[in-house]
Protein backbone atom coordinates (compact mmCIF):
# COMPACT_ATOMS: atom_id res chain seq x y z
CA MET A 1 -10.89 -22.48 -11.55
CA ILE A 2 -8.34 -19.89 -11.41
CA THR A 3 -7.87 -17.11 -9.10
CA ALA A 4 -5.56 -14.39 -9.77
CA VAL A 5 -3.76 -13.51 -7.12
CA ASP A 6 -2.70 -9.48 -6.05
CA THR A 7 0.56 -8.52 -4.43
CA ASN A 8 -0.33 -7.85 -1.50
CA VAL A 9 -1.36 -10.87 -0.45
CA PRO A 10 2.02 -12.66 -0.68
CA LEU A 11 3.31 -9.83 0.83
CA ALA A 12 1.25 -10.43 3.89
CA LEU A 13 3.02 -13.51 4.25
CA LEU A 14 6.56 -12.42 3.66
CA TYR A 15 5.80 -9.73 6.39
CA GLY A 16 3.63 -11.68 8.98
CA ASP A 17 1.57 -7.93 8.94
CA ASP A 18 -1.94 -8.21 10.05
CA TYR A 19 -3.59 -9.81 7.27
CA ALA A 20 -1.14 -12.88 6.95
CA ASP A 21 -3.82 -15.39 8.33
CA ALA A 22 -6.31 -14.50 6.18
CA ALA A 23 -3.62 -15.04 3.34
CA GLU A 24 -2.66 -17.86 3.64
CA ALA A 25 -6.07 -19.36 4.31
CA ALA A 26 -6.94 -17.75 0.95
CA LEU A 27 -4.14 -18.80 -0.70
CA ARG A 28 -5.05 -22.42 0.59
CA GLY A 29 -8.33 -22.74 -0.42
CA ALA A 30 -7.83 -20.96 -3.68
CA TYR A 31 -5.61 -23.72 -4.82
CA GLN A 32 -7.46 -26.62 -3.37
CA GLU A 33 -10.22 -25.34 -5.42
CA GLY A 34 -7.54 -24.60 -8.91
CA ARG A 35 -5.13 -22.64 -10.42
CA VAL A 36 -3.53 -20.12 -8.62
CA VAL A 37 -1.51 -17.51 -10.85
CA ILE A 38 0.03 -13.88 -10.74
CA THR A 39 0.59 -11.84 -13.65
CA PRO A 40 4.18 -10.14 -14.54
CA VAL A 41 3.27 -6.97 -12.98
CA VAL A 42 2.60 -8.92 -9.44
CA TYR A 43 5.71 -10.77 -10.13
CA ALA A 44 8.05 -7.26 -10.99
CA GLU A 45 6.36 -5.85 -7.63
CA LEU A 46 7.01 -8.79 -5.66
CA ALA A 47 11.10 -8.69 -7.22
CA ALA A 48 10.92 -4.64 -6.62
CA ASP A 49 10.33 -5.37 -2.60
CA GLY A 50 14.24 -6.29 -2.25
CA GLN A 51 12.88 -9.38 -0.30
CA PHE A 52 14.35 -11.89 -3.04
CA GLY A 53 17.75 -11.51 -3.89
CA ALA A 54 17.78 -13.80 -7.27
CA VAL A 55 15.08 -14.71 -9.67
CA SER A 56 15.08 -18.00 -8.20
CA ASP A 57 14.45 -16.91 -4.86
CA LEU A 58 11.49 -15.90 -5.58
CA ASP A 59 10.72 -18.56 -8.01
CA GLU A 60 10.93 -20.47 -5.08
CA PHE A 61 8.93 -18.48 -3.18
CA LEU A 62 6.26 -18.21 -5.17
CA ALA A 63 6.16 -22.52 -5.86
CA ASP A 64 5.93 -22.95 -2.30
CA LEU A 65 2.81 -21.27 -2.45
CA SER A 66 1.84 -23.43 -5.62
CA VAL A 67 1.33 -19.83 -7.24
CA GLN A 68 2.10 -19.96 -11.08
CA LEU A 69 3.05 -17.00 -13.51
CA VAL A 70 0.82 -16.48 -16.26
CA GLU A 71 0.85 -14.00 -19.18
CA PRO A 72 -2.19 -11.61 -19.55
CA SER A 73 -4.73 -12.23 -22.07
CA ARG A 74 -5.00 -9.00 -24.91
CA GLU A 75 -8.18 -8.57 -23.98
CA ALA A 76 -7.52 -8.06 -20.52
CA VAL A 77 -5.00 -5.79 -20.85
CA PHE A 78 -7.07 -3.42 -22.94
CA ARG A 79 -9.60 -3.52 -20.11
CA ALA A 80 -7.20 -2.66 -17.79
CA GLY A 81 -6.69 0.17 -20.23
CA GLU A 82 -9.98 1.65 -20.77
CA LYS A 83 -10.32 1.23 -16.85
CA PHE A 84 -6.94 3.39 -16.50
CA GLN A 85 -8.86 5.59 -18.26
CA GLN A 86 -11.57 5.86 -16.38
CA TYR A 87 -9.79 6.41 -13.20
CA THR A 88 -7.72 9.33 -14.47
CA ASP A 89 -10.51 10.62 -16.40
CA ARG A 90 -12.95 10.56 -12.31
CA ARG A 91 -9.61 11.76 -10.52
CA PRO A 92 -10.01 14.70 -9.05
CA ASP A 93 -7.78 18.24 -9.71
CA GLY A 94 -5.39 18.63 -6.65
CA LEU A 95 -5.01 17.37 -3.74
CA GLN A 96 -7.92 15.62 -1.70
CA CYS A 97 -8.44 15.17 2.13
CA PRO A 98 -9.19 11.36 2.91
CA SER A 99 -10.77 12.80 6.20
CA CYS A 100 -12.98 15.73 4.86
CA GLY A 101 -12.88 15.65 1.26
CA THR A 102 -11.40 19.17 1.08
CA THR A 103 -8.96 19.68 -2.52
CA GLN A 104 -5.85 22.28 -2.59
CA THR A 105 -3.78 22.60 -5.24
CA ALA A 106 0.20 22.85 -5.23
CA ARG A 107 2.19 23.99 -7.42
CA CYS A 108 6.00 22.79 -8.90
CA GLU A 109 8.24 25.37 -7.70
CA ASP A 110 10.56 24.78 -10.96
CA CYS A 111 7.76 25.03 -13.89
CA ASP A 112 4.88 25.89 -11.75
CA GLU A 113 2.30 22.69 -13.16
CA GLU A 114 -0.42 21.82 -10.66
CA LEU A 115 1.67 18.71 -8.86
CA THR A 116 -1.49 15.61 -8.39
CA PRO A 117 -0.45 12.69 -6.04
CA ARG A 118 -0.98 9.27 -8.41
CA GLN A 119 -2.76 6.89 -5.76
CA HIS A 120 -3.34 3.69 -8.43
CA VAL A 121 -1.11 3.42 -11.41
CA ALA A 122 -1.60 1.20 -14.36
CA ALA A 123 -0.43 -1.97 -12.37
CA ASP A 124 -3.43 -2.35 -10.26
CA PHE A 125 -5.55 -1.93 -13.41
CA LEU A 126 -3.42 -4.65 -15.17
CA ILE A 127 -4.08 -6.60 -11.87
CA GLY A 128 -8.02 -6.22 -12.50
CA GLY A 129 -7.72 -6.48 -15.89
CA HIS A 130 -6.68 -10.24 -15.89
CA ALA A 131 -8.46 -11.22 -13.06
CA THR A 132 -11.75 -9.82 -14.56
CA ILE A 133 -11.15 -11.29 -18.38
CA ASP A 134 -8.75 -13.95 -17.43
CA ALA A 135 -9.71 -15.24 -14.15
CA ASP A 136 -12.97 -16.79 -11.38
CA GLU A 137 -11.49 -14.25 -8.96
CA LEU A 138 -8.71 -12.54 -6.92
CA LEU A 139 -7.36 -12.48 -3.96
CA SER A 140 -6.80 -9.24 -2.47
CA PHE A 141 -6.95 -6.83 0.01
CA ASP A 142 -8.24 -3.95 -1.29
CA ALA A 143 -11.26 -4.91 -2.44
CA ALA A 144 -12.78 -1.37 -1.96
CA PHE A 145 -10.71 -0.30 -4.86
CA TYR A 146 -11.23 -3.17 -7.36
CA GLY A 147 -14.49 -3.02 -6.50
CA THR A 148 -14.93 0.58 -7.85
CA TYR A 149 -13.17 0.14 -10.92
CA PHE A 150 -14.22 -3.73 -11.91
CA PRO A 151 -17.67 -4.33 -10.23
CA SER A 152 -18.20 -7.72 -11.85
CA LEU A 153 -15.06 -9.36 -10.19
CA THR A 154 -14.95 -11.75 -6.95
CA VAL A 155 -12.45 -10.02 -4.72
CA SER A 156 -11.48 -12.19 -1.54
CA PRO A 157 -10.92 -12.67 1.19
CA GLU A 158 -14.23 -10.37 2.39
CA ASN A 159 -12.43 -9.05 5.21
CA GLY A 160 -9.82 -7.33 2.26
């Protein structure tokens, strides 16, 4: 069994946040069932967090977690692109209130273009594409997002 890992799982351990215990248990369980992997996107996001002073520090952290860095297949990257296009096609114009759903627009002061938020970026879709095609499950605390765009993907832990 191959388990892919989203960035938020190792970050929960790094920061000891509310999800740290669930992250530790999920990683332990995944390791007992097979390989635990991340893609270069997750590696880059961890490196960007500022907790690691050198490549060797991040590599040591991942080795301590028994997490391996792997390349996604071309099919996984292609699937990610398809799902990212689906996301951008679905995204409403303007800004949307997360509470009531009301949409408003805002314009750039310099060029008068409509401003839109990027709630999810291509990296999220690369993680999902890789987990869907190249792995058996994904460890993430963003199950709602992955369930929307990758419905066949098993995402755990369940409280994520």
